[in-house]
């Protein structure tokens, strides 16, 4: 282990009580070992806990906590089935339809981790973390009470939360804290959103799916993009071997039923993880010269194969009747 300090020194550095430091040591919140019956706390782990731990604050006049919302507040779950998972507090701003602004806090665990750690029962700690995982705190400029029973409010709805409470952390405690830090949150900068990677390419593929028919080509790509193109009857541009070809989506297929043969539309073949597969309209290839050439070649090869098979069949039959 790195350089260590006593629980008293650790408490002074973290601005908490020695009892809290002992709880942190027992529950793995900070790295520590016992030496001669006393906890020796890793200075590196303690510094990390002070920097990223929740409820890091100093006291202002009036007792309102001051938390550093200019830094990334991240908490690593120390125990239970989600041990090692990281939760990072996120601040979002949104302009409502009426022009007013709301601010939301998501991933609340870093704000209340120390409070939860003081609960003796590990099940209570797990339930509190689980309840906080999907909860939010929202601040709005105007009052409102038009909320469902699943939302708890303060100040005529200007502060609200979806947190439902637990034995280790009550709804009132969450709303109390939300009220105390309101001014800081409203002045804080939104959490930068992670840059999105490039959109998945739209590619042409060869399908052997029975619904698509014999040697039917399909395109794969972002489901929303392909759906919009199909509904608007607009072409999509593909990449890869047929780069630049513009294809229309959707076709018809012959269906044999009680009323004979009917032609039914076929378009979407499947969708998974936001990527969809659509049949293309092989009758509309004026903007797809590469695919048109490939299909003409395929048709020629199929025609030649059919002719060879027909010749073999005729030779067999002719020999039978000779």
Protein backbone atom coordinates (compact mmCIF):
# COMPACT_ATOMS: atom_id res chain seq x y z
CA UNK A 1 0.00 0.00 0.00
CA UNK A 2 1.08 3.61 -0.53
CA UNK A 3 1.78 6.08 2.27
CA UNK A 4 -0.89 5.88 4.96
CA UNK A 5 -2.38 8.16 7.59
CA UNK A 6 -4.43 7.59 10.73
CA UNK A 7 -8.20 7.88 10.79
CA UNK A 8 -7.90 11.17 12.66
CA UNK A 9 -5.61 12.66 10.01
CA UNK A 10 -7.83 11.29 7.25
CA UNK A 11 -10.91 12.81 8.88
CA UNK A 12 -9.19 16.19 9.07
CA UNK A 13 -8.24 16.05 5.38
CA UNK A 14 -11.70 14.94 4.24
CA UNK A 15 -13.55 17.27 6.62
CA UNK A 16 -15.60 14.41 8.05
CA UNK A 17 -15.70 12.64 11.41
CA UNK A 18 -13.36 9.80 12.36
CA UNK A 19 -16.45 7.56 12.62
CA UNK A 20 -17.15 8.24 8.95
CA UNK A 21 -13.56 7.37 8.05
CA UNK A 22 -13.87 4.07 9.92
CA UNK A 23 -17.08 3.31 8.01
CA UNK A 24 -15.30 4.08 4.75
CA UNK A 25 -12.49 1.71 5.72
CA UNK A 26 -14.83 -1.15 6.66
CA UNK A 27 -16.84 -0.83 3.45
CA UNK A 28 -13.97 -0.32 1.03
CA UNK A 29 -14.84 3.28 0.21
CA UNK A 30 -11.14 4.04 0.78
CA UNK A 31 -8.22 1.61 0.70
CA UNK A 32 -7.11 0.81 4.26
CA UNK A 33 -5.56 -1.94 6.35
CA UNK A 34 -5.57 -2.54 10.08
CA UNK A 35 -2.25 -2.27 11.91
CA UNK A 36 -2.22 -3.13 15.60
CA UNK A 37 -5.99 -2.72 15.70
CA UNK A 38 -5.99 0.73 14.06
CA UNK A 39 -6.88 1.66 10.53
CA UNK A 40 -4.10 2.89 8.24
CA UNK A 41 -5.69 4.80 5.34
CA UNK A 42 -4.00 5.09 1.95
CA UNK A 43 -3.30 8.73 1.17
CA UNK A 44 -3.71 8.11 -2.57
CA UNK A 45 -7.12 6.49 -2.09
CA UNK A 46 -8.18 9.20 0.34
CA UNK A 47 -7.15 11.95 -2.07
CA UNK A 48 -9.16 10.28 -4.82
CA UNK A 49 -12.15 9.97 -2.51
CA UNK A 50 -11.94 13.63 -1.57
CA UNK A 51 -11.64 14.67 -5.21
CA UNK A 52 -14.45 12.57 -6.66
CA UNK A 53 -16.47 11.47 -3.64
CA UNK A 54 -19.95 12.73 -3.20
CA UNK A 55 -21.04 15.34 -0.72
CA UNK A 56 -17.63 16.97 -0.88
CA UNK A 57 -18.41 20.33 0.66
CA UNK A 58 -17.43 23.05 3.05
CA UNK A 59 -19.91 24.90 5.20
CA UNK A 60 -21.20 28.31 4.25
CA UNK A 61 -23.04 30.78 6.41
CA UNK A 62 -26.43 29.28 7.09
CA UNK A 63 -25.16 25.72 6.75
CA UNK A 64 -25.84 25.26 3.02
CA UNK A 65 -23.39 22.77 1.48
CA UNK A 66 -21.06 23.92 -1.27
CA UNK A 67 -20.27 21.26 -3.85
CA UNK A 68 -17.83 21.65 -6.70
CA UNK A 69 -20.00 21.31 -9.79
CA UNK A 70 -17.22 22.59 -12.04
CA UNK A 71 -15.45 19.22 -11.77
CA UNK A 72 -16.62 15.79 -12.82
CA UNK A 73 -18.28 14.05 -9.87
CA UNK A 74 -17.88 10.30 -10.30
CA UNK A 75 -18.59 7.50 -7.83
CA UNK A 76 -17.46 3.88 -8.09
CA UNK A 77 -19.85 1.44 -6.41
CA UNK A 78 -17.78 -0.43 -3.77
CA UNK A 79 -19.95 -3.50 -3.14
CA UNK A 80 -22.86 -5.63 -4.26
CA UNK A 81 -23.77 -7.02 -7.69
CA UNK A 82 -22.80 -3.75 -9.43
CA UNK A 83 -19.45 -3.43 -7.65
CA UNK A 84 -16.98 -1.46 -9.75
CA UNK A 85 -19.63 0.30 -11.83
CA UNK A 86 -19.09 4.04 -12.19
CA UNK A 87 -21.73 6.75 -11.94
CA UNK A 88 -21.01 10.32 -13.07
CA UNK A 89 -23.29 13.21 -12.15
CA UNK A 90 -24.77 14.90 -15.23
CA UNK A 91 -26.30 18.37 -15.47
CA UNK A 92 -28.63 19.13 -18.36
CA UNK A 93 -30.42 22.34 -19.37
CA UNK A 94 -33.57 22.41 -21.46
CA UNK A 95 -35.79 25.19 -22.77
CA UNK A 96 -39.48 24.36 -22.41
CA UNK A 97 -42.22 25.13 -24.94
CA UNK A 98 -43.24 28.23 -22.96
CA UNK A 99 -39.69 29.62 -23.13
CA UNK A 100 -38.77 28.88 -19.52
CA UNK A 101 -35.69 26.86 -18.67
CA UNK A 102 -35.33 23.75 -16.56
CA UNK A 103 -32.18 22.13 -15.19
CA UNK A 104 -31.96 18.43 -14.40
CA UNK A 105 -29.48 16.34 -12.41
CA UNK A 106 -29.07 12.72 -13.44
CA UNK A 107 -26.97 9.85 -12.06
CA UNK A 108 -27.39 11.13 -8.49
CA UNK A 109 -25.22 8.58 -6.66
CA UNK A 110 -22.14 10.85 -6.36
CA UNK A 111 -24.23 13.38 -4.41
CA UNK A 112 -25.43 10.94 -1.76
CA UNK A 113 -22.79 8.20 -1.67
CA UNK A 114 -21.35 9.17 1.70
CA UNK A 115 -24.77 9.37 3.29
CA UNK A 116 -25.64 5.90 1.99
CA UNK A 117 -22.29 4.50 3.17
CA UNK A 118 -23.23 5.30 6.76
CA UNK A 119 -26.13 2.80 6.68
CA UNK A 120 -25.22 -0.38 8.59
CA UNK A 121 -27.33 -2.82 6.57
CA UNK A 122 -25.78 -3.72 3.17
CA UNK A 123 -29.26 -4.41 1.79
CA UNK A 124 -30.34 -0.89 2.74
CA UNK A 125 -27.26 0.50 1.00
CA UNK A 126 -27.98 -1.55 -2.13
CA UNK A 127 -31.65 -0.48 -2.20
CA UNK A 128 -30.71 3.18 -1.86
CA UNK A 129 -28.15 2.98 -4.66
CA UNK A 130 -30.61 1.09 -6.84
CA UNK A 131 -33.34 3.68 -6.24
CA UNK A 132 -30.96 6.54 -7.04
CA UNK A 133 -29.64 4.93 -10.22
CA UNK A 134 -32.56 5.93 -12.40
CA UNK A 135 -33.73 8.97 -10.43
CA UNK A 136 -33.49 12.64 -11.38
CA UNK A 137 -33.77 16.03 -9.70
CA UNK A 138 -35.32 18.81 -11.81
CA UNK A 139 -35.39 22.56 -11.18
CA UNK A 140 -37.79 24.83 -13.07
CA UNK A 141 -38.44 28.56 -13.10
CA UNK A 142 -42.20 28.43 -12.78
CA UNK A 143 -44.40 26.67 -10.19
CA UNK A 144 -46.45 23.65 -11.15
CA UNK A 145 -48.26 20.89 -9.30
CA UNK A 146 -49.44 18.89 -12.30
CA UNK A 147 -47.32 15.83 -11.57
CA UNK A 148 -48.03 12.15 -11.04
CA UNK A 149 -47.82 10.58 -7.56
CA UNK A 150 -44.46 9.11 -8.64
CA UNK A 151 -42.89 12.58 -8.52
CA UNK A 152 -42.18 14.39 -5.22
CA UNK A 153 -41.97 18.19 -5.22
CA UNK A 154 -40.93 21.26 -3.25
CA UNK A 155 -41.55 24.97 -3.68
CA UNK A 156 -44.79 24.49 -5.64
CA UNK A 157 -43.13 22.12 -8.09
CA UNK A 158 -40.06 24.24 -8.79
CA UNK A 159 -37.99 21.41 -7.34
CA UNK A 160 -38.98 17.83 -8.04
CA UNK A 161 -37.50 14.37 -8.02
CA UNK A 162 -38.39 10.92 -9.28
CA UNK A 163 -36.51 9.31 -6.37
CA UNK A 164 -38.91 7.05 -4.46
CA UNK A 165 -37.04 6.71 -1.18
CA UNK A 166 -35.35 3.95 0.82
CA UNK A 167 -34.47 3.17 4.43
CA UNK A 168 -30.95 4.55 3.98
CA UNK A 169 -32.04 7.76 2.22
CA UNK A 170 -35.49 9.32 2.40
CA UNK A 171 -37.20 11.43 -0.24
CA UNK A 172 -37.24 14.39 2.17
CA UNK A 173 -33.46 14.15 2.58
CA UNK A 174 -33.02 14.25 -1.18
CA UNK A 175 -35.35 17.24 -1.54
CA UNK A 176 -33.68 19.01 1.41
CA UNK A 177 -30.30 18.68 -0.25
CA UNK A 178 -31.71 19.66 -3.66
CA UNK A 179 -33.14 22.82 -2.10
CA UNK A 180 -29.81 23.69 -0.45
CA UNK A 181 -27.77 23.43 -3.65
CA UNK A 182 -30.34 24.99 -5.98
CA UNK A 183 -28.44 28.25 -6.52
CA UNK A 184 -25.23 26.41 -7.33
CA UNK A 185 -26.93 24.06 -9.76
CA UNK A 186 -28.68 26.87 -11.60
CA UNK A 187 -25.32 28.61 -12.09
CA UNK A 188 -23.41 25.49 -13.08
CA UNK A 189 -22.41 24.69 -16.64
CA UNK A 190 -24.15 21.72 -18.29
CA UNK A 191 -22.17 18.50 -18.47
CA UNK A 192 -20.55 18.28 -21.92
CA UNK A 193 -22.11 15.55 -23.99
CA UNK A 194 -19.83 12.87 -25.36
CA UNK A 195 -19.17 13.43 -29.06
CA UNK A 196 -21.07 11.10 -31.28
CA UNK A 197 -19.18 8.86 -33.61
CA UNK A 198 -19.86 8.80 -37.33
CA UNK A 199 -23.26 7.48 -38.32
CA UNK A 200 -23.23 3.86 -39.48
CA UNK A 201 -22.84 3.57 -43.23
CA UNK A 202 -25.67 2.46 -45.49
CA UNK A 203 -24.40 -0.63 -47.27
CA UNK A 204 -25.74 -2.93 -49.96
CA UNK A 205 -25.67 -6.62 -49.16
CA UNK A 206 -26.70 -9.84 -50.86
CA UNK A 207 -29.64 -11.53 -49.15
CA UNK A 208 -30.66 -15.17 -49.15
CA UNK A 209 -33.67 -14.49 -46.94
CA UNK A 210 -36.64 -16.44 -48.27
CA UNK A 211 -38.91 -13.43 -47.88
CA UNK A 212 -36.67 -11.42 -50.18
CA UNK A 213 -36.81 -13.92 -53.01
CA UNK A 214 -34.04 -15.38 -55.08
CA UNK A 215 -30.82 -13.33 -55.20
CA UNK A 216 -32.49 -10.25 -53.76
CA UNK A 217 -30.22 -7.38 -52.68
CA UNK A 218 -30.89 -5.48 -49.46
CA UNK A 219 -29.49 -2.40 -47.73
CA UNK A 220 -28.50 -2.11 -44.07
CA UNK A 221 -28.05 1.12 -42.14
CA UNK A 222 -29.47 3.40 -39.42
CA UNK A 223 -33.09 2.39 -38.86
CA UNK A 224 -34.44 5.95 -38.62
CA UNK A 225 -32.68 7.02 -41.84
CA UNK A 226 -33.92 4.03 -43.82
CA UNK A 227 -37.47 4.29 -42.47
CA UNK A 228 -37.65 7.97 -43.42
CA UNK A 229 -36.38 7.19 -46.93
CA UNK A 230 -38.91 4.39 -47.39
CA UNK A 231 -41.84 6.44 -46.12
CA UNK A 232 -40.92 9.45 -48.28
CA UNK A 233 -40.12 7.25 -51.31
CA UNK A 234 -36.67 8.84 -51.50
CA UNK A 235 -33.48 7.04 -52.55
CA UNK A 236 -30.59 6.29 -50.20
CA UNK A 237 -26.92 6.49 -51.21
CA UNK A 238 -24.87 3.40 -50.40
CA UNK A 239 -21.15 2.95 -49.72
CA UNK A 240 -18.75 0.08 -50.28
CA UNK A 241 -18.58 -1.88 -53.54
CA UNK A 242 -21.54 0.07 -54.92
CA UNK A 243 -20.37 3.45 -53.60
CA UNK A 244 -22.54 6.29 -54.86
CA UNK A 245 -25.42 4.18 -56.13
CA UNK A 246 -28.81 5.60 -55.14
CA UNK A 247 -31.42 2.98 -54.31
CA UNK A 248 -35.13 3.01 -53.58
CA UNK A 249 -36.46 0.83 -50.76
CA UNK A 250 -39.34 -1.62 -50.85
CA UNK A 251 -40.61 -4.13 -53.36
CA UNK A 252 -43.49 -6.54 -53.96
CA UNK A 253 -43.46 -10.29 -53.63
CA UNK A 254 -45.85 -12.94 -54.91
CA UNK A 255 -47.81 -14.66 -52.14
CA UNK A 256 -49.72 -17.88 -52.77
CA UNK A 257 -52.94 -18.06 -50.75
CA UNK A 258 -56.51 -19.29 -50.79
CA UNK A 259 -57.44 -16.57 -53.26
CA UNK A 260 -54.61 -17.39 -55.65
CA UNK A 261 -51.48 -15.33 -56.19
CA UNK A 262 -51.36 -11.83 -54.76
CA UNK A 263 -48.58 -9.26 -54.80
CA UNK A 264 -47.79 -7.91 -51.35
CA UNK A 265 -45.35 -5.16 -50.40
CA UNK A 266 -42.16 -6.09 -48.56
CA UNK A 267 -39.71 -3.56 -47.13
CA UNK A 268 -38.32 -4.00 -43.62
CA UNK A 269 -36.75 -7.43 -43.11
CA UNK A 270 -35.36 -6.86 -39.61
CA UNK A 271 -33.97 -4.40 -37.07
CA UNK A 272 -31.48 -4.77 -34.22
CA UNK A 273 -29.57 -2.21 -32.13
CA UNK A 274 -30.75 0.66 -34.32
CA UNK A 275 -29.61 -0.99 -37.57
CA UNK A 276 -32.31 -2.04 -40.06
CA UNK A 277 -32.36 -4.16 -43.19
CA UNK A 278 -34.60 -3.18 -46.10
CA UNK A 279 -35.36 -4.77 -49.44
CA UNK A 280 -34.55 -2.61 -52.46
CA UNK A 281 -36.73 -1.94 -55.48
CA UNK A 282 -34.88 -3.65 -58.34
CA UNK A 283 -37.25 -2.08 -60.85
CA UNK A 284 -35.83 1.39 -60.12
CA UNK A 285 -32.09 1.21 -60.77
CA UNK A 286 -31.64 4.21 -63.07
CA UNK A 287 -29.55 5.90 -60.35
CA UNK A 288 -27.60 2.75 -59.47
CA UNK A 289 -25.35 1.90 -62.44
CA UNK A 290 -23.02 -0.37 -60.48
CA UNK A 291 -25.82 -2.49 -59.09
CA UNK A 292 -27.58 -2.56 -62.47
CA UNK A 293 -24.42 -3.98 -64.05
CA UNK A 294 -24.07 -6.55 -61.29
CA UNK A 295 -27.70 -7.69 -61.57
CA UNK A 296 -27.43 -7.92 -65.37
CA UNK A 297 -24.36 -10.13 -64.92
CA UNK A 298 -26.12 -12.24 -62.28
CA UNK A 299 -29.15 -12.66 -64.54
CA UNK A 300 -26.93 -13.70 -67.44
CA UNK A 301 -25.16 -16.28 -65.28
CA UNK A 302 -28.48 -17.58 -63.98
CA UNK A 303 -29.88 -17.75 -67.49
CA UNK A 304 -26.85 -19.71 -68.66
CA UNK A 305 -27.14 -22.09 -65.70
CA UNK A 306 -30.84 -22.61 -66.39
CA UNK A 307 -30.07 -23.31 -70.05
CA UNK A 308 -27.44 -25.87 -69.12
CA UNK A 309 -29.85 -27.58 -66.74
CA UNK A 310 -32.61 -27.60 -69.34
CA UNK A 311 -30.24 -29.12 -71.90
CA UNK A 312 -29.21 -31.81 -69.40
CA UNK A 313 -32.86 -32.56 -68.60
CA UNK A 314 -33.73 -32.79 -72.30
CA UNK A 315 -30.77 -35.10 -72.96
CA UNK A 316 -31.90 -37.39 -70.15
CA UNK A 317 -35.48 -37.50 -71.38
CA UNK A 318 -34.43 -37.99 -74.97
CA UNK A 319 -32.26 -40.93 -74.00
CA UNK A 320 -35.16 -42.46 -72.06
CA UNK A 321 -37.49 -42.39 -75.06
CA UNK A 322 -34.94 -43.37 -77.69
